[in-house]
Amino acid sequence: MTTSIKFRGVSYHVGHGTWRAKIKTQGRHIHLGCFTRQHDAAWAWDCAARLLGRPTRKLNFPDREPTPGTGIGTIRRILIAKGVLE
């Protein structure tokens, strides 16, 4: 399996063999979750970036809109729990 990183906000966790998504906001790194596919971690970062008002041009998938069932609700709950979103 290749572990070269292709997306913003994604890193590979060698010990667990998973892709980790995290985003920096308000001077803090917020862990968004671990995923088996790099693509899913990149999507989690995009959902967080959209919720935090980041420019669309900086997203991994700028043409894909989040809809219910694509993980945006989970990411919203994480950001609220971490105190960076109301």
C-alpha atoms as a PDB file:
ATOM      1  CA  MET A   1       0.000   0.000   0.000  1.00  0.00           C
ATOM      2  CA  THR A   2       1.265   3.450  -0.840  1.00  0.00           C
ATOM      3  CA  THR A   3       1.376   6.014   1.944  1.00  0.00           C
ATOM      4  CA  SER A   4       2.234   9.126  -0.037  1.00  0.00           C
ATOM      5  CA  ILE A   5      -0.011  11.968   1.053  1.00  0.00           C
ATOM      6  CA  LYS A   6      -2.091  13.538  -1.694  1.00  0.00           C
ATOM      7  CA  PHE A   7      -4.479  15.743   0.290  1.00  0.00           C
ATOM      8  CA  ARG A   8      -4.526  18.751   2.594  1.00  0.00           C
ATOM      9  CA  GLY A   9      -5.092  17.989   6.293  1.00  0.00           C
ATOM     10  CA  VAL A  10      -4.211  14.289   6.011  1.00  0.00           C
ATOM     11  CA  SER A  11      -1.346  12.277   7.481  1.00  0.00           C
ATOM     12  CA  TYR A  12      -0.570   8.559   7.675  1.00  0.00           C
ATOM     13  CA  HIS A  13      -0.365   6.883  11.092  1.00  0.00           C
ATOM     14  CA  VAL A  14       2.192   4.132  10.582  1.00  0.00           C
ATOM     15  CA  GLY A  15       1.520   2.374  13.899  1.00  0.00           C
ATOM     16  CA  HIS A  16      -2.162   1.905  13.164  1.00  0.00           C
ATOM     17  CA  GLY A  17      -2.037   1.780   9.381  1.00  0.00           C
ATOM     18  CA  THR A  18      -4.712   4.462   9.107  1.00  0.00           C
ATOM     19  CA  TRP A  19      -5.101   7.915   7.603  1.00  0.00           C
ATOM     20  CA  ARG A  20      -5.568  10.718  10.125  1.00  0.00           C
ATOM     21  CA  ALA A  21      -7.459  13.939   9.437  1.00  0.00           C
ATOM     22  CA  LYS A  22      -6.836  17.093  11.464  1.00  0.00           C
ATOM     23  CA  ILE A  23      -7.364  20.794  10.947  1.00  0.00           C
ATOM     24  CA  LYS A  24      -5.722  23.808  12.535  1.00  0.00           C
ATOM     25  CA  THR A  25      -7.991  26.568  13.796  1.00  0.00           C
ATOM     26  CA  GLN A  26      -7.679  29.197  16.502  1.00  0.00           C
ATOM     27  CA  GLY A  27      -4.066  28.096  17.019  1.00  0.00           C
ATOM     28  CA  ARG A  28      -5.078  24.509  17.817  1.00  0.00           C
ATOM     29  CA  HIS A  29      -4.888  21.241  15.911  1.00  0.00           C
ATOM     30  CA  ILE A  30      -8.255  19.488  15.989  1.00  0.00           C
ATOM     31  CA  HIS A  31      -8.233  15.725  15.379  1.00  0.00           C
ATOM     32  CA  LEU A  32     -11.118  14.802  13.074  1.00  0.00           C
ATOM     33  CA  GLY A  33     -10.693  11.042  13.035  1.00  0.00           C
ATOM     34  CA  CYS A  34      -8.780   8.086  11.613  1.00  0.00           C
ATOM     35  CA  PHE A  35      -9.830   6.446   8.373  1.00  0.00           C
ATOM     36  CA  THR A  36      -8.884   3.384   6.346  1.00  0.00           C
ATOM     37  CA  ARG A  37      -8.893   5.386   3.101  1.00  0.00           C
ATOM     38  CA  GLN A  38      -6.926   8.579   2.475  1.00  0.00           C
ATOM     39  CA  HIS A  39      -9.848   9.910   0.424  1.00  0.00           C
ATOM     40  CA  ASP A  40     -12.195   9.661   3.444  1.00  0.00           C
ATOM     41  CA  ALA A  41      -9.752  11.540   5.675  1.00  0.00           C
ATOM     42  CA  ALA A  42      -9.482  14.267   3.037  1.00  0.00           C
ATOM     43  CA  TRP A  43     -13.270  14.519   2.890  1.00  0.00           C
ATOM     44  CA  ALA A  44     -13.442  14.892   6.698  1.00  0.00           C
ATOM     45  CA  TRP A  45     -10.961  17.781   6.455  1.00  0.00           C
ATOM     46  CA  ASP A  46     -13.049  19.385   3.700  1.00  0.00           C
ATOM     47  CA  CYS A  47     -16.208  19.153   5.828  1.00  0.00           C
ATOM     48  CA  ALA A  48     -14.420  20.818   8.748  1.00  0.00           C
ATOM     49  CA  ALA A  49     -12.923  23.479   6.484  1.00  0.00           C
ATOM     50  CA  ARG A  50     -16.353  24.323   5.068  1.00  0.00           C
ATOM     51  CA  LEU A  51     -17.890  24.543   8.548  1.00  0.00           C
ATOM     52  CA  LEU A  52     -15.067  26.863   9.618  1.00  0.00           C
ATOM     53  CA  GLY A  53     -15.568  29.097   6.574  1.00  0.00           C
ATOM     54  CA  ARG A  54     -12.390  28.273   4.679  1.00  0.00           C
ATOM     55  CA  PRO A  55     -12.224  29.339   1.009  1.00  0.00           C
ATOM     56  CA  THR A  56     -13.585  26.717  -1.382  1.00  0.00           C
ATOM     57  CA  ARG A  57     -10.501  26.977  -3.602  1.00  0.00           C
ATOM     58  CA  LYS A  58      -8.379  25.502  -0.785  1.00  0.00           C
ATOM     59  CA  LEU A  59     -10.493  22.356  -0.400  1.00  0.00           C
ATOM     60  CA  ASN A  60      -9.406  18.898  -1.500  1.00  0.00           C
ATOM     61  CA  PHE A  61     -12.694  18.453  -3.376  1.00  0.00           C
ATOM     62  CA  PRO A  62     -13.914  21.983  -4.161  1.00  0.00           C
ATOM     63  CA  ASP A  63     -16.678  20.799  -6.497  1.00  0.00           C
ATOM     64  CA  ARG A  64     -18.223  18.317  -4.049  1.00  0.00           C
ATOM     65  CA  GLU A  65     -20.941  19.646  -1.740  1.00  0.00           C
ATOM     66  CA  PRO A  66     -21.484  17.981   1.635  1.00  0.00           C
ATOM     67  CA  THR A  67     -24.934  16.473   2.105  1.00  0.00           C
ATOM     68  CA  PRO A  68     -26.551  14.604   5.008  1.00  0.00           C
ATOM     69  CA  GLY A  69     -25.011  11.173   5.319  1.00  0.00           C
ATOM     70  CA  THR A  70     -21.565  12.232   4.069  1.00  0.00           C
ATOM     71  CA  GLY A  71     -20.066  12.791   7.532  1.00  0.00           C
ATOM     72  CA  ILE A  72     -20.595  16.516   7.905  1.00  0.00           C
ATOM     73  CA  GLY A  73     -22.835  16.030  10.953  1.00  0.00           C
ATOM     74  CA  THR A  74     -20.144  14.033  12.729  1.00  0.00           C
ATOM     75  CA  ILE A  75     -17.501  16.636  11.919  1.00  0.00           C
ATOM     76  CA  ARG A  76     -19.832  19.407  13.161  1.00  0.00           C
ATOM     77  CA  ARG A  77     -20.236  17.563  16.506  1.00  0.00           C
ATOM     78  CA  ILE A  78     -16.449  17.177  16.848  1.00  0.00           C
ATOM     79  CA  LEU A  79     -15.854  20.886  16.229  1.00  0.00           C
ATOM     80  CA  ILE A  80     -18.591  21.843  18.716  1.00  0.00           C
ATOM     81  CA  ALA A  81     -17.161  19.456  21.336  1.00  0.00           C
ATOM     82  CA  LYS A  82     -13.717  21.002  20.870  1.00  0.00           C
ATOM     83  CA  GLY A  83     -15.195  24.487  21.333  1.00  0.00           C
ATOM     84  CA  VAL A  84     -14.273  25.879  17.915  1.00  0.00           C
ATOM     85  CA  LEU A  85     -17.820  25.931  16.502  1.00  0.00           C
ATOM     86  CA  GLU A  86     -21.105  26.886  18.096  1.00  0.00           C
END
